[in-house]
């Protein structure tokens, strides 16, 4: 994708997504933001006693910084986006499952309960002659699962879908019918809180998103 023009229209602003996630790439493309994607390589383990929201926010900032370092000095304005999404149940972070048995264990814990999906999102702004600046925030969405049968859990894990996802499920894929309700941003649960990201990009002097008015970037689904 081609770099977008800045709000002043004088110089192109390059947007870089520090992610290997196809879901984040799809969401950002649907929002109409021109970008290129570069995979980060950082340690994503939480620190001792680190709160979940602080952890997600720190990792998002570190992803953006790692990719910016790899790319080197920018010749023009550049905005590097980092994001990290975690599932939190009763204060405990549920990361990506290490095995099928671990995925089944996570889904049994989530069954019939309410959990949080928390994303840290960061935008690192760079331009020649200026000091880099990072803006970031954490976004939380409440998600309620209906009760899941053991047969459903085993079938879903056997599909392979949970294995690369925090909390062992993807709301946009095979686990959509597990969710009774959500409160907050749907795109956050998928992996990229678009409303909040676009606000950070706007404040950082990034380009407007051509498609942001046409798609649902956040929603509240009623309890049922």
Protein backbone atom coordinates (compact mmCIF):
# COMPACT_ATOMS: atom_id res chain seq x y z
CA UNK A 1 0.00 0.00 0.00
CA UNK A 2 1.18 3.52 -0.78
CA UNK A 3 2.07 5.98 2.01
CA UNK A 4 -0.76 8.39 2.81
CA UNK A 5 -0.40 12.13 2.80
CA UNK A 6 -0.21 14.04 6.05
CA UNK A 7 -3.00 16.40 7.05
CA UNK A 8 -0.97 19.30 5.69
CA UNK A 9 -0.66 17.45 2.39
CA UNK A 10 2.99 18.42 2.04
CA UNK A 11 4.81 15.16 2.78
CA UNK A 12 3.75 11.51 2.76
CA UNK A 13 3.28 9.80 6.11
CA UNK A 14 4.37 6.18 6.13
CA UNK A 15 2.25 3.88 8.31
CA UNK A 16 3.87 0.68 9.54
CA UNK A 17 1.97 -2.03 11.41
CA UNK A 18 4.29 -3.91 13.76
CA UNK A 19 2.44 -7.20 13.58
CA UNK A 20 2.40 -10.59 11.89
CA UNK A 21 -1.31 -11.07 12.69
CA UNK A 22 -3.51 -11.47 9.59
CA UNK A 23 -6.49 -10.33 11.68
CA UNK A 24 -4.86 -6.99 12.54
CA UNK A 25 -3.78 -6.49 8.94
CA UNK A 26 -7.32 -7.12 7.73
CA UNK A 27 -8.88 -4.76 10.26
CA UNK A 28 -6.50 -1.92 9.47
CA UNK A 29 -7.03 -2.40 5.74
CA UNK A 30 -10.81 -2.34 6.21
CA UNK A 31 -10.46 0.97 8.05
CA UNK A 32 -8.94 2.45 4.89
CA UNK A 33 -5.46 3.09 6.31
CA UNK A 34 -2.60 2.56 3.82
CA UNK A 35 0.21 0.67 5.56
CA UNK A 36 2.88 -1.96 5.33
CA UNK A 37 3.33 -4.69 7.92
CA UNK A 38 6.58 -5.76 9.59
CA UNK A 39 6.72 -8.56 12.15
CA UNK A 40 8.20 -7.62 15.55
CA UNK A 41 10.52 -9.87 17.53
CA UNK A 42 10.34 -9.17 21.26
CA UNK A 43 9.91 -10.96 24.57
CA UNK A 44 6.16 -10.96 25.26
CA UNK A 45 6.25 -12.44 28.73
CA UNK A 46 4.70 -10.42 31.58
CA UNK A 47 6.92 -9.12 34.35
CA UNK A 48 6.43 -10.18 37.93
CA UNK A 49 3.28 -8.61 39.44
CA UNK A 50 2.72 -6.54 36.28
CA UNK A 51 -0.98 -5.55 35.94
CA UNK A 52 -2.63 -6.92 32.78
CA UNK A 53 -3.42 -3.52 31.22
CA UNK A 54 0.09 -2.23 31.92
CA UNK A 55 1.55 -5.40 30.41
CA UNK A 56 -0.48 -5.10 27.19
CA UNK A 57 0.38 -1.42 26.86
CA UNK A 58 4.11 -2.02 27.45
CA UNK A 59 4.29 -4.83 24.91
CA UNK A 60 2.49 -2.69 22.31
CA UNK A 61 5.05 0.09 22.81
CA UNK A 62 7.94 -2.36 22.64
CA UNK A 63 6.64 -3.90 19.41
CA UNK A 64 6.44 -0.49 17.77
CA UNK A 65 9.91 0.45 19.01
CA UNK A 66 11.47 -2.84 17.89
CA UNK A 67 10.15 -2.50 14.35
CA UNK A 68 11.14 1.17 14.15
CA UNK A 69 14.71 0.24 15.16
CA UNK A 70 14.80 -2.49 12.53
CA UNK A 71 13.66 -0.08 9.81
CA UNK A 72 16.24 2.54 10.80
CA UNK A 73 15.98 6.31 10.54
CA UNK A 74 12.97 7.51 8.59
CA UNK A 75 13.46 9.79 5.59
CA UNK A 76 10.02 11.32 6.11
CA UNK A 77 7.20 11.21 8.67
CA UNK A 78 6.55 7.68 9.89
CA UNK A 79 4.00 6.24 12.32
CA UNK A 80 4.64 2.73 13.64
CA UNK A 81 1.69 0.93 15.23
CA UNK A 82 2.14 -1.69 17.94
CA UNK A 83 -0.65 -3.73 19.49
CA UNK A 84 -0.90 -6.56 21.98
CA UNK A 85 -4.13 -8.32 22.97
CA UNK A 86 -4.65 -10.51 26.02
CA UNK A 87 -7.55 -12.30 27.69
CA UNK A 88 -7.94 -11.76 31.42
CA UNK A 89 -10.06 -13.96 33.68
CA UNK A 90 -10.32 -13.14 37.38
CA UNK A 91 -7.15 -11.07 37.14
CA UNK A 92 -5.12 -13.82 35.43
CA UNK A 93 -3.71 -13.40 31.93
CA UNK A 94 -4.59 -16.16 29.49
CA UNK A 95 -2.10 -16.15 26.64
CA UNK A 96 -1.93 -18.34 23.56
CA UNK A 97 -2.37 -22.03 24.40
CA UNK A 98 0.78 -24.12 24.51
CA UNK A 99 -1.02 -27.31 23.47
CA UNK A 100 -4.46 -28.68 22.65
CA UNK A 101 -4.87 -29.73 26.29
CA UNK A 102 -4.03 -26.18 27.38
CA UNK A 103 -6.60 -24.77 24.94
CA UNK A 104 -9.29 -27.08 26.33
CA UNK A 105 -8.38 -26.02 29.86
CA UNK A 106 -8.73 -22.34 28.99
CA UNK A 107 -12.09 -22.82 27.31
CA UNK A 108 -13.43 -24.78 30.30
CA UNK A 109 -12.43 -21.85 32.52
CA UNK A 110 -14.10 -19.30 30.23
CA UNK A 111 -17.31 -21.32 29.90
CA UNK A 112 -20.32 -19.56 31.45
CA UNK A 113 -18.21 -16.67 32.76
CA UNK A 114 -17.37 -13.06 31.96
CA UNK A 115 -13.80 -12.13 31.07
CA UNK A 116 -11.97 -9.12 29.72
CA UNK A 117 -10.14 -8.72 26.45
CA UNK A 118 -7.50 -6.02 26.89
CA UNK A 119 -5.44 -4.54 24.08
CA UNK A 120 -2.52 -2.20 24.41
CA UNK A 121 -2.17 -0.01 21.33
CA UNK A 122 0.71 2.34 20.61
CA UNK A 123 1.72 4.76 17.85
CA UNK A 124 5.40 5.72 17.59
CA UNK A 125 5.84 8.99 15.67
CA UNK A 126 9.10 9.73 13.88
CA UNK A 127 10.24 12.48 11.53
CA UNK A 128 13.66 13.82 10.49
CA UNK A 129 14.96 16.39 12.94
CA UNK A 130 12.42 15.52 15.64
CA UNK A 131 12.58 13.35 18.72
CA UNK A 132 10.45 10.20 18.48
CA UNK A 133 7.26 10.25 20.52
CA UNK A 134 5.05 7.32 21.50
CA UNK A 135 1.35 7.65 22.32
CA UNK A 136 -0.39 4.62 23.80
CA UNK A 137 -3.42 3.42 25.70
CA UNK A 138 -5.14 0.27 26.90
CA UNK A 139 -8.63 -0.72 25.77
CA UNK A 140 -10.83 -3.25 27.60
CA UNK A 141 -13.92 -5.13 26.41
CA UNK A 142 -16.07 -7.40 28.58
CA UNK A 143 -17.05 -10.72 27.00
CA UNK A 144 -19.55 -13.22 28.39
CA UNK A 145 -19.44 -16.84 27.26
CA UNK A 146 -22.44 -19.13 27.41
CA UNK A 147 -21.89 -22.53 28.98
CA UNK A 148 -19.93 -24.79 26.68
CA UNK A 149 -20.26 -28.54 26.52
CA UNK A 150 -17.19 -30.75 26.59
CA UNK A 151 -18.09 -31.93 23.08
CA UNK A 152 -18.12 -28.34 21.79
CA UNK A 153 -14.80 -27.57 23.43
CA UNK A 154 -13.10 -30.65 22.01
CA UNK A 155 -14.49 -30.08 18.51
CA UNK A 156 -13.39 -26.44 18.48
CA UNK A 157 -9.88 -27.26 19.68
CA UNK A 158 -9.62 -30.07 17.11
CA UNK A 159 -10.33 -27.50 14.38
CA UNK A 160 -6.99 -25.85 15.20
CA UNK A 161 -8.54 -22.37 15.35
CA UNK A 162 -7.68 -21.62 19.02
CA UNK A 163 -3.98 -22.37 18.86
CA UNK A 164 -2.68 -18.95 17.76
CA UNK A 165 -5.10 -16.85 19.79
CA UNK A 166 -5.01 -15.39 23.28
CA UNK A 167 -7.54 -17.15 25.49
CA UNK A 168 -7.80 -19.97 22.93
CA UNK A 169 -10.64 -18.49 20.88
CA UNK A 170 -11.41 -16.18 17.97
CA UNK A 171 -14.69 -14.29 18.13
CA UNK A 172 -14.59 -13.63 14.39
CA UNK A 173 -14.23 -17.30 13.54
CA UNK A 174 -15.35 -20.60 15.05
CA UNK A 175 -16.04 -19.26 18.54
CA UNK A 176 -18.59 -16.60 17.51
CA UNK A 177 -21.48 -18.72 18.82
CA UNK A 178 -19.80 -19.11 22.22
CA UNK A 179 -20.34 -15.44 23.02
CA UNK A 180 -23.55 -14.44 24.80
CA UNK A 181 -22.73 -10.72 24.91
CA UNK A 182 -19.94 -8.19 24.76
CA UNK A 183 -19.65 -4.73 26.23
CA UNK A 184 -17.24 -2.46 24.40
CA UNK A 185 -15.23 -2.62 21.19
CA UNK A 186 -15.77 -5.63 18.96
CA UNK A 187 -12.62 -4.92 16.93
CA UNK A 188 -10.68 -4.97 20.20
CA UNK A 189 -11.78 -8.57 20.78
CA UNK A 190 -10.64 -9.45 17.25
CA UNK A 191 -7.24 -7.95 18.04
CA UNK A 192 -7.08 -4.25 17.10
CA UNK A 193 -9.21 -1.52 18.77
CA UNK A 194 -9.82 0.60 15.70
CA UNK A 195 -11.61 3.60 17.19
CA UNK A 196 -8.85 4.16 19.73
CA UNK A 197 -6.10 3.47 17.19
CA UNK A 198 -7.51 5.95 14.69
CA UNK A 199 -7.71 8.55 17.44
CA UNK A 200 -4.03 7.98 18.30
CA UNK A 201 -3.08 8.23 14.64
CA UNK A 202 -5.05 11.46 14.26
CA UNK A 203 -3.35 13.00 17.29
CA UNK A 204 0.02 11.86 15.94
CA UNK A 205 -0.61 13.62 12.64
CA UNK A 206 -1.36 10.46 10.71
CA UNK A 207 -3.73 10.24 7.75
CA UNK A 208 -7.51 9.97 8.10
CA UNK A 209 -8.97 6.52 7.57
CA UNK A 210 -11.04 6.55 4.40
CA UNK A 211 -13.23 3.63 5.43
CA UNK A 212 -13.68 4.35 9.13
CA UNK A 213 -17.14 5.81 8.68
CA UNK A 214 -18.42 2.86 6.73
CA UNK A 215 -17.64 -0.03 9.05
CA UNK A 216 -18.52 -0.83 12.64
CA UNK A 217 -15.42 -0.10 14.68
CA UNK A 218 -16.93 -0.56 18.12
CA UNK A 219 -20.19 -1.84 19.48
CA UNK A 220 -22.14 -2.83 22.54
CA UNK A 221 -24.17 -5.99 22.23
CA UNK A 222 -27.04 -6.26 24.72
CA UNK A 223 -27.15 -9.04 27.23
CA UNK A 224 -29.41 -11.85 26.30
